[in-house]
């Protein structure tokens, strides 16, 4: 019996932790207890030298000293302040008015706002609950398909897991030993492509199943001009002007830098040009709207002015925070701190930040940060002992005989994570499985940024898959259970069934699976957003010594160096 345990301690340890996780016992304590328990067994069996455990406190203190993890509370605080300042409500109302007059427009507005909220809040619960409270009653009021309404809200809310500054990507980068900035850059194109797939799905429904996503009636559009017009022409002209100004700056950015610095400047990187051009365009739009209102010129319609003042401030915040990270001007931690301060300023300007709101945001931020840190400490203890008993070798042997090489490994891992996501939280999967799978992937020659983005998109489906999809529960908590009388149309509307919410998630889970397959098939979707690596040929490196004499290392005199 002792020989069997000694030979199979790693798989036994892994099986025990899976049992505890599925039993619902607190994850952090399960990981810590399992790690310490099997560590003592390893000591008794002579598999672990006693001196090795002396390094464990240093590993735990190393977590506390990890500056990268400070980005988690900063971005969480930024999102919570923006969410409590009413930004989500204003965005949904305004964008819904812009797109509502076309079939599927309200669903497209939810997707667009979900992407914006993901880039500012990064919190799934806040996004889903906000959109469920605001958009779901309007969708039900005007005849949207119930599964489609539920699906688009839950799926758009989960974009917070894929779009930077996602907390999942921060954890991924930390566990895989890669830069958070590189993980953000690599995830940007796949995340935007996923938003595009959501939009294409709704557009397809609007074309082939228009009754499932009807347009809003004219009486539902609140921002009308005095002559009864929609005012969208004015908004379109403003958008054209801003786009033209951004493109003009982008094409002449090197000339502008040359003029500012008074000397010839090399053409800047493409990502720097894009960030600066987008930031300039958004600020330009805000300045035009402020001049129009201040001088009472009346050049902008009500809807154009509303869109500018509601949409532009969060866009400027997004470009400044993510732009400084992408350009290397700020670390993710510094960018998160800047975002939190920017969110406070926006809330103060809107007169929606009081002492109570600030305390609630700080309490929620502290609670989430402590939750993450406890799980990270537990996973560190677990992985420390698991590695000490050669568990990583056992994990590598599990994948030795998989057919297909890298592709077979990626398919198998994604299938396992997809099914685990139906039962286990994404933090638990990231903290437990990534330290085990990362070294295997690296030994197989898989780029870890690419690997992390694939897993992040896969983990996004864990919020939508029954029976324990958190986004489904968030929507269930705010969706009407029973029939009610609509306050606007005075019509009798049936409540939202749990089955409708589950059915609505199926199509979007399939879209996310398609996105995972696309990222696996086309790695350039991730690598295209990364800085090109400079190849260095070590055989061609030459070191030239400076000449002797003045300015040199010395001069020869009588066969000796002075």
Protein backbone atom coordinates (compact mmCIF):
# COMPACT_ATOMS: atom_id res chain seq x y z
CA UNK A 1 0.00 0.00 0.00
CA UNK A 2 2.82 2.41 0.92
CA UNK A 3 4.60 1.60 -2.34
CA UNK A 4 1.42 2.30 -4.33
CA UNK A 5 0.90 5.67 -2.59
CA UNK A 6 4.55 6.63 -3.11
CA UNK A 7 4.38 5.79 -6.80
CA UNK A 8 1.03 7.54 -7.40
CA UNK A 9 1.04 10.44 -4.92
CA UNK A 10 0.69 13.09 -7.67
CA UNK A 11 -2.46 11.63 -9.31
CA UNK A 12 -3.96 10.94 -5.87
CA UNK A 13 -3.33 14.56 -4.86
CA UNK A 14 -4.88 15.84 -8.08
CA UNK A 15 -7.94 13.59 -7.67
CA UNK A 16 -8.45 14.75 -4.07
CA UNK A 17 -8.41 18.44 -5.02
CA UNK A 18 -10.90 17.83 -7.84
CA UNK A 19 -13.19 16.07 -5.35
CA UNK A 20 -13.02 19.00 -2.91
CA UNK A 21 -13.70 21.53 -5.67
CA UNK A 22 -16.74 19.65 -6.94
CA UNK A 23 -18.03 19.20 -3.39
CA UNK A 24 -18.35 22.97 -2.98
CA UNK A 25 -15.86 23.38 -0.15
CA UNK A 26 -14.16 26.84 -0.17
CA UNK A 27 -11.50 26.79 -2.84
CA UNK A 28 -8.71 28.67 -1.03
CA UNK A 29 -8.92 26.43 2.03
CA UNK A 30 -9.23 23.28 -0.09
CA UNK A 31 -6.05 24.13 -1.97
CA UNK A 32 -4.09 25.06 1.16
CA UNK A 33 -5.25 22.05 3.20
CA UNK A 34 -4.67 19.62 0.33
CA UNK A 35 -1.19 21.02 -0.32
CA UNK A 36 -0.12 20.88 3.32
CA UNK A 37 -1.67 17.44 3.92
CA UNK A 38 0.08 15.83 0.96
CA UNK A 39 3.24 17.76 1.79
CA UNK A 40 3.36 16.03 5.19
CA UNK A 41 2.68 12.67 3.51
CA UNK A 42 5.55 13.38 1.11
CA UNK A 43 7.81 14.16 4.03
CA UNK A 44 6.92 10.90 5.79
CA UNK A 45 7.47 8.89 2.62
CA UNK A 46 10.81 10.58 1.96
CA UNK A 47 9.66 12.12 -1.33
CA UNK A 48 10.20 15.70 -0.13
CA UNK A 49 13.31 16.87 1.76
CA UNK A 50 12.41 18.73 4.99
CA UNK A 51 14.52 21.74 3.99
CA UNK A 52 12.32 22.32 0.94
CA UNK A 53 9.41 23.52 3.07
CA UNK A 54 11.54 26.40 4.31
CA UNK A 55 11.06 28.04 0.91
CA UNK A 56 7.25 28.01 1.19
CA UNK A 57 6.95 31.20 3.32
CA UNK A 58 9.13 33.02 0.80
CA UNK A 59 6.77 31.96 -2.00
CA UNK A 60 3.78 33.30 -0.06
CA UNK A 61 5.53 36.60 0.72
CA UNK A 62 6.47 36.83 -2.96
CA UNK A 63 2.77 36.93 -3.82
CA UNK A 64 2.22 39.84 -1.46
CA UNK A 65 5.14 41.71 -3.04
CA UNK A 66 3.93 41.20 -6.63
CA UNK A 67 3.26 44.69 -7.97
CA UNK A 68 1.45 43.33 -11.04
CA UNK A 69 -1.42 42.02 -8.92
CA UNK A 70 -2.11 45.57 -7.70
CA UNK A 71 -3.78 46.12 -11.07
CA UNK A 72 -6.67 43.91 -9.91
CA UNK A 73 -7.95 46.23 -7.12
CA UNK A 74 -7.27 49.35 -9.20
CA UNK A 75 -9.26 48.18 -12.23
CA UNK A 76 -11.99 46.77 -9.98
CA UNK A 77 -12.33 50.11 -8.17
CA UNK A 78 -12.40 51.93 -11.51
CA UNK A 79 -15.22 49.73 -12.76
CA UNK A 80 -17.29 49.87 -9.59
CA UNK A 81 -17.15 53.66 -9.39
CA UNK A 82 -18.19 54.01 -13.04
CA UNK A 83 -20.98 51.48 -12.57
CA UNK A 84 -22.32 53.20 -9.45
CA UNK A 85 -22.11 56.63 -11.10
CA UNK A 86 -24.84 55.63 -13.56
CA UNK A 87 -22.63 55.38 -16.65
CA UNK A 88 -24.16 52.08 -17.74
CA UNK A 89 -27.70 53.44 -17.58
CA UNK A 90 -26.80 56.55 -19.60
CA UNK A 91 -24.90 54.54 -22.22
CA UNK A 92 -27.70 52.00 -22.70
CA UNK A 93 -30.38 54.66 -22.96
CA UNK A 94 -28.41 56.82 -25.41
CA UNK A 95 -27.03 54.09 -27.67
CA UNK A 96 -30.43 52.37 -27.64
CA UNK A 97 -31.99 55.58 -28.96
CA UNK A 98 -29.40 55.75 -31.77
CA UNK A 99 -29.83 52.15 -32.99
CA UNK A 100 -33.39 51.48 -31.85
CA UNK A 101 -35.09 52.56 -35.07
CA UNK A 102 -33.63 49.61 -37.04
CA UNK A 103 -34.40 45.90 -36.65
CA UNK A 104 -32.07 44.37 -34.11
CA UNK A 105 -30.87 47.84 -33.14
CA UNK A 106 -31.57 47.44 -29.45
CA UNK A 107 -29.63 44.15 -29.35
CA UNK A 108 -26.74 45.78 -31.23
CA UNK A 109 -26.81 48.62 -28.69
CA UNK A 110 -26.54 46.08 -25.86
CA UNK A 111 -23.53 44.45 -27.55
CA UNK A 112 -21.84 47.79 -28.16
CA UNK A 113 -22.47 49.02 -24.63
CA UNK A 114 -21.40 45.63 -23.24
CA UNK A 115 -18.05 46.03 -25.00
CA UNK A 116 -17.67 49.57 -23.61
CA UNK A 117 -18.55 48.44 -20.10
CA UNK A 118 -16.08 45.57 -20.44
CA UNK A 119 -13.32 48.03 -21.33
CA UNK A 120 -14.16 50.24 -18.35
CA UNK A 121 -15.64 48.10 -15.59
CA UNK A 122 -14.15 44.67 -16.25
CA UNK A 123 -16.77 43.19 -13.89
CA UNK A 124 -19.26 40.69 -15.33
CA UNK A 125 -21.85 41.00 -12.56
CA UNK A 126 -22.08 44.78 -12.89
CA UNK A 127 -22.49 44.62 -16.67
CA UNK A 128 -25.12 41.86 -16.74
CA UNK A 129 -27.20 43.29 -13.90
CA UNK A 130 -27.12 46.82 -15.33
CA UNK A 131 -28.16 45.72 -18.83
CA UNK A 132 -30.73 43.29 -17.41
CA UNK A 133 -32.42 46.03 -15.39
CA UNK A 134 -32.42 48.59 -18.21
CA UNK A 135 -32.60 46.77 -21.55
CA UNK A 136 -34.56 43.60 -20.76
CA UNK A 137 -37.87 45.39 -19.94
CA UNK A 138 -37.61 47.40 -23.18
CA UNK A 139 -36.90 44.27 -25.24
CA UNK A 140 -39.85 42.43 -23.70
CA UNK A 141 -42.05 45.51 -24.13
CA UNK A 142 -41.52 45.70 -27.88
CA UNK A 143 -41.65 42.00 -28.75
CA UNK A 144 -38.07 40.71 -28.75
CA UNK A 145 -37.62 36.94 -28.62
CA UNK A 146 -37.09 36.05 -24.98
CA UNK A 147 -34.13 33.67 -25.53
CA UNK A 148 -32.45 36.21 -27.82
CA UNK A 149 -32.99 39.04 -25.33
CA UNK A 150 -31.56 36.95 -22.49
CA UNK A 151 -28.69 35.62 -24.58
CA UNK A 152 -27.50 38.96 -25.89
CA UNK A 153 -27.51 40.49 -22.40
CA UNK A 154 -25.62 37.64 -20.71
CA UNK A 155 -23.14 37.22 -23.59
CA UNK A 156 -22.40 40.95 -23.83
CA UNK A 157 -21.84 41.06 -20.07
CA UNK A 158 -19.23 38.30 -20.26
CA UNK A 159 -17.12 40.37 -22.69
CA UNK A 160 -15.51 41.75 -19.54
CA UNK A 161 -13.49 38.51 -19.42
CA UNK A 162 -11.93 38.96 -22.86
CA UNK A 163 -11.61 42.72 -23.43
CA UNK A 164 -8.76 44.50 -21.60
CA UNK A 165 -8.50 45.48 -18.76
CA UNK A 166 -9.87 42.02 -17.98
CA UNK A 167 -9.06 40.61 -14.55
CA UNK A 168 -8.78 37.16 -16.15
CA UNK A 169 -5.99 38.36 -18.42
CA UNK A 170 -4.09 39.79 -15.44
CA UNK A 171 -4.32 36.43 -13.65
CA UNK A 172 -3.35 34.59 -16.86
CA UNK A 173 -0.26 36.73 -17.34
CA UNK A 174 0.80 36.26 -13.71
CA UNK A 175 0.34 32.49 -13.75
CA UNK A 176 2.08 32.05 -17.11
CA UNK A 177 4.94 34.39 -16.23
CA UNK A 178 4.24 36.81 -19.08
CA UNK A 179 3.73 40.56 -19.32
CA UNK A 180 0.21 41.83 -18.65
CA UNK A 181 0.70 44.43 -21.38
CA UNK A 182 1.54 41.71 -23.93
CA UNK A 183 -1.47 39.69 -22.80
CA UNK A 184 -3.68 42.75 -23.29
CA UNK A 185 -2.24 43.40 -26.75
CA UNK A 186 -2.65 39.77 -27.78
CA UNK A 187 -6.27 39.61 -26.59
CA UNK A 188 -7.44 42.84 -28.23
CA UNK A 189 -7.98 41.60 -31.80
CA UNK A 190 -9.73 38.31 -30.79
CA UNK A 191 -11.93 40.23 -28.32
CA UNK A 192 -13.01 42.75 -30.94
CA UNK A 193 -13.55 39.91 -33.43
CA UNK A 194 -15.83 38.22 -30.88
CA UNK A 195 -17.86 41.44 -30.57
CA UNK A 196 -18.08 41.45 -34.37
CA UNK A 197 -19.37 37.86 -34.43
CA UNK A 198 -22.06 38.76 -31.89
CA UNK A 199 -23.11 41.70 -34.07
CA UNK A 200 -23.15 39.56 -37.24
CA UNK A 201 -25.41 37.05 -35.50
CA UNK A 202 -27.92 39.79 -34.61
CA UNK A 203 -27.72 41.27 -38.12
CA UNK A 204 -28.42 37.82 -39.54
CA UNK A 205 -31.47 37.49 -37.32
CA UNK A 206 -32.65 40.95 -38.39
CA UNK A 207 -32.45 39.87 -42.03
CA UNK A 208 -33.80 36.33 -41.85
CA UNK A 209 -35.90 36.35 -38.63
CA UNK A 210 -37.00 39.99 -38.27
CA UNK A 211 -39.86 39.18 -35.88
CA UNK A 212 -37.33 37.98 -33.28
CA UNK A 213 -35.56 41.39 -33.14
CA UNK A 214 -38.09 44.11 -34.10
CA UNK A 215 -37.30 47.80 -34.36
CA UNK A 216 -38.56 50.24 -31.76
CA UNK A 217 -41.70 52.16 -32.76
CA UNK A 218 -41.34 55.93 -33.40
CA UNK A 219 -43.09 56.79 -30.13
CA UNK A 220 -40.35 54.96 -28.20
CA UNK A 221 -37.64 57.34 -29.50
CA UNK A 222 -37.29 60.09 -26.90
CA UNK A 223 -34.76 62.47 -28.46
CA UNK A 224 -36.71 64.20 -31.21
CA UNK A 225 -36.02 67.58 -32.79
CA UNK A 226 -38.63 70.37 -32.64
CA UNK A 227 -39.55 69.62 -36.27
CA UNK A 228 -40.06 65.93 -35.44
CA UNK A 229 -36.79 64.75 -37.03
CA UNK A 230 -34.54 62.14 -35.47
CA UNK A 231 -31.39 64.29 -35.50
CA UNK A 232 -29.28 61.39 -36.74
CA UNK A 233 -28.04 63.41 -39.73
CA UNK A 234 -26.31 65.83 -37.37
CA UNK A 235 -24.78 62.88 -35.50
CA UNK A 236 -23.56 61.39 -38.78
CA UNK A 237 -21.92 64.67 -39.86
CA UNK A 238 -20.19 64.96 -36.46
CA UNK A 239 -18.94 61.36 -36.77
CA UNK A 240 -17.56 62.09 -40.26
CA UNK A 241 -15.76 65.22 -39.06
CA UNK A 242 -14.22 63.42 -36.08
CA UNK A 243 -13.18 60.43 -38.21
CA UNK A 244 -11.60 62.72 -40.82
CA UNK A 245 -9.69 64.62 -38.10
CA UNK A 246 -8.43 61.35 -36.57
CA UNK A 247 -7.29 59.98 -39.94
CA UNK A 248 -5.58 63.27 -40.83
CA UNK A 249 -3.65 63.26 -37.57
CA UNK A 250 -2.74 59.60 -37.98
CA UNK A 251 -1.31 60.16 -41.47
CA UNK A 252 0.67 63.22 -40.40
CA UNK A 253 1.59 62.15 -36.88
CA UNK A 254 5.33 61.93 -37.63
CA UNK A 255 5.26 65.43 -39.15
CA UNK A 256 3.46 66.77 -36.07
CA UNK A 257 6.08 65.20 -33.78
CA UNK A 258 8.85 66.67 -35.94
CA UNK A 259 7.27 70.12 -35.65
CA UNK A 260 6.79 69.81 -31.88
CA UNK A 261 10.34 68.60 -31.17
CA UNK A 262 12.06 70.81 -33.74
CA UNK A 263 14.04 67.93 -35.23
CA UNK A 264 13.50 65.02 -37.59
CA UNK A 265 11.56 62.20 -35.87
CA UNK A 266 11.44 58.63 -37.08
CA UNK A 267 7.96 57.33 -38.02
CA UNK A 268 6.31 56.14 -34.79
CA UNK A 269 4.94 52.64 -34.25
CA UNK A 270 1.51 51.86 -35.70
CA UNK A 271 -0.11 51.16 -32.31
CA UNK A 272 1.12 54.52 -30.97
CA UNK A 273 -0.31 56.29 -34.02
CA UNK A 274 -3.69 54.57 -33.65
CA UNK A 275 -3.97 55.33 -29.91
CA UNK A 276 -3.01 58.99 -30.34
CA UNK A 277 -5.36 59.44 -33.32
CA UNK A 278 -8.32 57.87 -31.51
CA UNK A 279 -7.68 59.91 -28.36
CA UNK A 280 -7.42 63.10 -30.40
CA UNK A 281 -10.66 62.30 -32.24
CA UNK A 282 -12.65 61.75 -29.07
CA UNK A 283 -11.29 64.92 -27.43
CA UNK A 284 -12.00 66.86 -30.65
CA UNK A 285 -15.64 65.69 -30.60
CA UNK A 286 -16.03 66.72 -26.96
CA UNK A 287 -14.52 70.17 -27.64
CA UNK A 288 -16.89 70.73 -30.58
CA UNK A 289 -19.88 69.78 -28.44
CA UNK A 290 -18.77 72.07 -25.60
CA UNK A 291 -18.28 75.01 -27.99
CA UNK A 292 -21.68 74.37 -29.55
CA UNK A 293 -23.38 74.33 -26.15
CA UNK A 294 -21.39 77.22 -24.67
CA UNK A 295 -22.01 79.57 -27.60
CA UNK A 296 -25.53 78.21 -28.21
CA UNK A 297 -24.81 77.69 -31.88
CA UNK A 298 -27.48 75.01 -32.28
CA UNK A 299 -25.40 73.07 -34.81
CA UNK A 300 -25.84 69.72 -33.08
CA UNK A 301 -29.10 67.88 -32.65
CA UNK A 302 -30.31 66.67 -29.27
CA UNK A 303 -29.26 63.09 -29.94
CA UNK A 304 -25.82 64.15 -31.28
CA UNK A 305 -25.16 66.27 -28.20
CA UNK A 306 -26.41 63.51 -25.90
CA UNK A 307 -24.21 60.87 -27.56
CA UNK A 308 -21.16 63.13 -27.34
CA UNK A 309 -21.46 63.96 -23.65
CA UNK A 310 -22.37 60.40 -22.64
CA UNK A 311 -20.08 58.36 -24.91
CA UNK A 312 -16.92 60.45 -25.23
CA UNK A 313 -15.73 60.65 -21.56
CA UNK A 314 -15.56 56.85 -21.04
CA UNK A 315 -13.93 56.47 -24.48
CA UNK A 316 -11.25 59.01 -23.54
CA UNK A 317 -10.67 57.11 -20.28
CA UNK A 318 -10.36 53.81 -22.17
CA UNK A 319 -7.89 55.22 -24.71
CA UNK A 320 -5.78 56.88 -22.03
CA UNK A 321 -5.62 53.83 -19.75
CA UNK A 322 -5.14 51.10 -22.36
CA UNK A 323 -3.16 53.38 -24.67
CA UNK A 324 -0.52 54.16 -22.06
CA UNK A 325 -0.24 50.44 -21.26
CA UNK A 326 0.07 49.42 -24.92
CA UNK A 327 2.65 52.12 -25.62
CA UNK A 328 4.73 51.14 -22.59
CA UNK A 329 4.33 54.57 -21.01
CA UNK A 330 2.66 53.03 -17.93
CA UNK A 331 2.62 49.57 -16.40
CA UNK A 332 -0.78 47.87 -15.96
CA UNK A 333 -0.65 48.77 -12.27
CA UNK A 334 -0.01 52.43 -13.06
CA UNK A 335 -2.65 52.36 -15.78
CA UNK A 336 -5.15 50.89 -13.33
CA UNK A 337 -4.37 53.59 -10.78
CA UNK A 338 -4.82 56.27 -13.44
CA UNK A 339 -8.11 54.68 -14.48
CA UNK A 340 -9.39 54.64 -10.90
CA UNK A 341 -8.55 58.33 -10.48
CA UNK A 342 -10.14 59.12 -13.85
CA UNK A 343 -13.30 57.27 -12.86
CA UNK A 344 -13.50 59.30 -9.64
CA UNK A 345 -13.09 62.54 -11.59
CA UNK A 346 -15.84 61.52 -14.05
CA UNK A 347 -18.17 60.60 -11.20
CA UNK A 348 -17.47 63.90 -9.39
CA UNK A 349 -18.13 65.90 -12.56
CA UNK A 350 -21.45 64.07 -12.95
CA UNK A 351 -22.17 64.81 -9.26
CA UNK A 352 -22.72 61.12 -8.56
CA UNK A 353 -19.87 60.34 -6.19
CA UNK A 354 -20.70 60.69 -2.52
CA UNK A 355 -19.20 59.21 0.61
CA UNK A 356 -21.63 56.25 0.68
CA UNK A 357 -20.90 55.30 -2.94
CA UNK A 358 -17.16 55.53 -2.34
CA UNK A 359 -17.35 53.32 0.76
CA UNK A 360 -19.42 50.70 -1.09
CA UNK A 361 -16.96 50.65 -4.00
CA UNK A 362 -13.96 50.32 -1.68
CA UNK A 363 -15.62 47.52 0.31
CA UNK A 364 -16.45 45.56 -2.85
CA UNK A 365 -12.94 46.09 -4.20
CA UNK A 366 -11.36 44.89 -0.95
CA UNK A 367 -13.65 41.84 -0.85
CA UNK A 368 -12.78 40.78 -4.42
CA UNK A 369 -9.06 41.46 -3.95
CA UNK A 370 -8.93 39.40 -0.74
CA UNK A 371 -10.85 36.62 -2.48
CA UNK A 372 -8.29 36.53 -5.30
CA UNK A 373 -5.30 36.71 -2.95
CA UNK A 374 -6.53 33.87 -0.74
CA UNK A 375 -7.07 31.64 -3.77
CA UNK A 376 -3.63 32.60 -5.08
CA UNK A 377 -1.96 31.75 -1.76
CA UNK A 378 -3.81 28.41 -1.66
CA UNK A 379 -2.90 27.59 -5.27
CA UNK A 380 0.75 28.50 -4.56
CA UNK A 381 0.89 26.05 -1.65
CA UNK A 382 -0.79 23.37 -3.75
CA UNK A 383 1.45 23.84 -6.80
CA UNK A 384 4.57 24.05 -4.58
CA UNK A 385 3.89 20.60 -3.07
CA UNK A 386 2.62 19.18 -6.37
CA UNK A 387 5.87 20.20 -8.07
CA UNK A 388 7.95 18.88 -5.15
CA UNK A 389 6.49 15.39 -5.65
CA UNK A 390 7.21 15.61 -9.41
CA UNK A 391 3.59 16.23 -10.30
CA UNK A 392 4.58 18.25 -13.37
CA UNK A 393 6.29 15.16 -14.78
CA UNK A 394 3.07 13.18 -14.31
CA UNK A 395 1.12 15.95 -16.09
CA UNK A 396 3.59 15.95 -18.99
CA UNK A 397 3.26 12.17 -19.31
CA UNK A 398 -0.53 12.58 -19.55
CA UNK A 399 -0.06 14.50 -22.80
CA UNK A 400 2.86 12.52 -24.22
CA UNK A 401 0.66 10.12 -26.16
CA UNK A 402 -1.96 12.56 -27.35
CA UNK A 403 -2.22 12.45 -31.16
CA UNK A 404 -1.80 15.63 -33.14
CA UNK A 405 1.09 17.29 -31.30
CA UNK A 406 0.37 20.93 -30.43
CA UNK A 407 -3.08 20.86 -32.03
CA UNK A 408 -4.09 17.71 -30.17
CA UNK A 409 -2.86 19.22 -26.89
CA UNK A 410 -4.78 22.47 -27.45
CA UNK A 411 -8.00 20.68 -28.41
CA UNK A 412 -7.84 18.35 -25.42
CA UNK A 413 -7.05 21.14 -22.95
CA UNK A 414 -9.86 23.33 -24.29
CA UNK A 415 -12.39 20.50 -24.09
CA UNK A 416 -11.39 19.80 -20.48
CA UNK A 417 -11.54 23.49 -19.50
CA UNK A 418 -14.88 23.92 -21.26
CA UNK A 419 -16.48 21.15 -19.21
CA UNK A 420 -14.78 22.25 -15.98
CA UNK A 421 -16.16 25.73 -16.63
CA UNK A 422 -19.69 24.33 -16.30
CA UNK A 423 -18.99 23.60 -12.63
CA UNK A 424 -15.94 25.58 -11.44
CA UNK A 425 -15.26 29.33 -11.28
CA UNK A 426 -12.76 30.78 -13.77
CA UNK A 427 -10.41 31.97 -10.99
CA UNK A 428 -10.15 28.42 -9.70
CA UNK A 429 -9.40 27.03 -13.15
CA UNK A 430 -6.77 29.71 -13.80
CA UNK A 431 -5.00 29.29 -10.47
CA UNK A 432 -5.05 25.47 -10.44
CA UNK A 433 -4.70 24.31 -14.04
CA UNK A 434 -2.52 27.02 -15.59
CA UNK A 435 0.54 26.36 -13.39
CA UNK A 436 0.25 22.70 -14.44
CA UNK A 437 -0.46 23.25 -18.14
CA UNK A 438 1.80 26.26 -18.78
CA UNK A 439 5.14 24.37 -18.55
CA UNK A 440 3.76 21.57 -20.75
CA UNK A 441 2.65 24.09 -23.39
CA UNK A 442 6.01 25.87 -23.30
CA UNK A 443 7.91 22.58 -23.67
CA UNK A 444 5.79 21.84 -26.76
CA UNK A 445 6.83 25.15 -28.31
CA UNK A 446 3.46 26.88 -27.81
CA UNK A 447 3.62 30.64 -27.32
CA UNK A 448 2.23 31.30 -23.85
CA UNK A 449 0.55 34.59 -24.81
CA UNK A 450 -1.36 32.75 -27.54
CA UNK A 451 -2.12 29.92 -25.12
CA UNK A 452 -3.37 32.35 -22.46
CA UNK A 453 -5.69 34.18 -24.86
CA UNK A 454 -7.18 30.89 -26.04
CA UNK A 455 -7.87 29.81 -22.46
CA UNK A 456 -9.28 33.25 -21.57
CA UNK A 457 -11.83 33.11 -24.39
CA UNK A 458 -12.68 29.53 -23.42
CA UNK A 459 -13.15 30.54 -19.79
CA UNK A 460 -15.59 33.22 -20.95
CA UNK A 461 -17.98 30.42 -21.90
CA UNK A 462 -17.99 29.27 -18.25
CA UNK A 463 -20.23 32.26 -17.48
CA UNK A 464 -22.82 31.08 -20.01
CA UNK A 465 -22.86 27.30 -19.69
CA UNK A 466 -25.64 25.72 -17.58
CA UNK A 467 -26.04 24.69 -14.85
CA UNK A 468 -23.67 27.06 -13.02
CA UNK A 469 -23.11 29.89 -15.50
CA UNK A 470 -22.77 32.97 -13.31
CA UNK A 471 -24.05 35.38 -15.97
CA UNK A 472 -27.23 33.30 -16.20
CA UNK A 473 -27.74 33.61 -12.44
CA UNK A 474 -27.06 37.36 -12.52
CA UNK A 475 -29.76 37.86 -15.16
CA UNK A 476 -32.12 35.50 -13.34
CA UNK A 477 -31.81 37.68 -10.22
CA UNK A 478 -33.12 40.79 -12.03
CA UNK A 479 -35.41 39.30 -14.71
CA UNK A 480 -39.17 39.27 -13.88
CA UNK A 481 -40.31 35.89 -12.55
CA UNK A 482 -44.03 36.35 -13.09
CA UNK A 483 -46.34 38.23 -15.43
CA UNK A 484 -46.68 41.99 -14.99
CA UNK A 485 -48.36 45.02 -16.53
CA UNK A 486 -45.92 47.15 -18.50
CA UNK A 487 -45.86 50.72 -17.20
CA UNK A 488 -45.56 52.28 -20.68
CA UNK A 489 -47.76 50.20 -22.97
CA UNK A 490 -50.06 48.91 -20.17
CA UNK A 491 -49.88 45.48 -21.82
CA UNK A 492 -49.77 42.16 -20.00
CA UNK A 493 -46.24 40.71 -20.33
CA UNK A 494 -45.25 37.22 -19.30
CA UNK A 495 -42.30 36.75 -16.96
CA UNK A 496 -38.92 35.39 -18.03
CA UNK A 497 -38.54 31.64 -17.50
CA UNK A 498 -35.21 30.12 -16.49
CA UNK A 499 -35.46 27.88 -19.57
CA UNK A 500 -35.56 30.99 -21.78
CA UNK A 501 -32.32 32.24 -20.20
CA UNK A 502 -30.63 28.87 -20.67
CA UNK A 503 -31.79 28.55 -24.30
CA UNK A 504 -30.61 32.06 -25.07
CA UNK A 505 -27.06 31.24 -24.04
CA UNK A 506 -26.67 28.31 -26.46
CA UNK A 507 -26.13 30.35 -29.64
CA UNK A 508 -23.57 32.62 -27.98
CA UNK A 509 -21.70 29.68 -26.44
CA UNK A 510 -21.40 28.26 -29.96
CA UNK A 511 -20.11 31.63 -31.21
CA UNK A 512 -17.46 31.64 -28.49
CA UNK A 513 -16.43 28.09 -29.39
CA UNK A 514 -16.07 29.24 -33.01
CA UNK A 515 -13.88 32.11 -31.79
CA UNK A 516 -11.66 29.69 -29.85
CA UNK A 517 -11.30 27.59 -33.00
CA UNK A 518 -10.42 30.68 -35.07
CA UNK A 519 -7.71 31.75 -32.61
CA UNK A 520 -6.25 28.23 -32.65
CA UNK A 521 -6.36 28.09 -36.46
CA UNK A 522 -4.99 31.61 -36.96
CA UNK A 523 -2.37 32.44 -34.29
CA UNK A 524 -1.71 35.75 -36.06
CA UNK A 525 -4.96 37.03 -34.53
CA UNK A 526 -2.95 37.15 -31.29
CA UNK A 527 0.60 37.68 -32.56
CA UNK A 528 -0.57 40.47 -34.89
CA UNK A 529 -1.23 42.68 -31.88
CA UNK A 530 2.17 42.06 -30.29
CA UNK A 531 5.40 43.93 -30.85
CA UNK A 532 7.66 42.19 -33.32
CA UNK A 533 10.50 40.35 -31.64
CA UNK A 534 13.98 41.34 -32.65
CA UNK A 535 15.98 38.31 -33.69
CA UNK A 536 19.57 38.40 -32.47
CA UNK A 537 22.20 36.13 -34.00
CA UNK A 538 24.62 35.43 -31.14
CA UNK A 539 27.28 34.24 -33.59
CA UNK A 540 27.46 37.66 -35.24
CA UNK A 541 27.75 39.77 -32.08
CA UNK A 542 31.01 41.72 -32.03
CA UNK A 543 32.46 43.70 -29.13
CA UNK A 544 34.89 46.38 -30.20
CA UNK A 545 37.28 47.80 -27.61
CA UNK A 546 37.69 51.58 -27.69
CA UNK A 547 41.00 52.81 -29.07
CA UNK A 548 43.83 53.57 -26.68
CA UNK A 549 44.92 57.06 -25.82
CA UNK A 550 42.66 59.92 -24.90
CA UNK A 551 39.16 58.75 -24.14
CA UNK A 552 40.30 55.11 -24.21
CA UNK A 553 40.75 52.57 -21.44
CA UNK A 554 44.42 53.34 -21.22
CA UNK A 555 47.52 53.62 -23.29
CA UNK A 556 50.42 51.27 -23.82
CA UNK A 557 53.73 52.33 -22.42
CA UNK A 558 56.71 50.10 -22.31
CA UNK A 559 54.62 46.99 -22.88
CA UNK A 560 52.32 47.74 -19.95
CA UNK A 561 48.89 49.32 -19.74
CA UNK A 562 48.40 52.39 -17.61
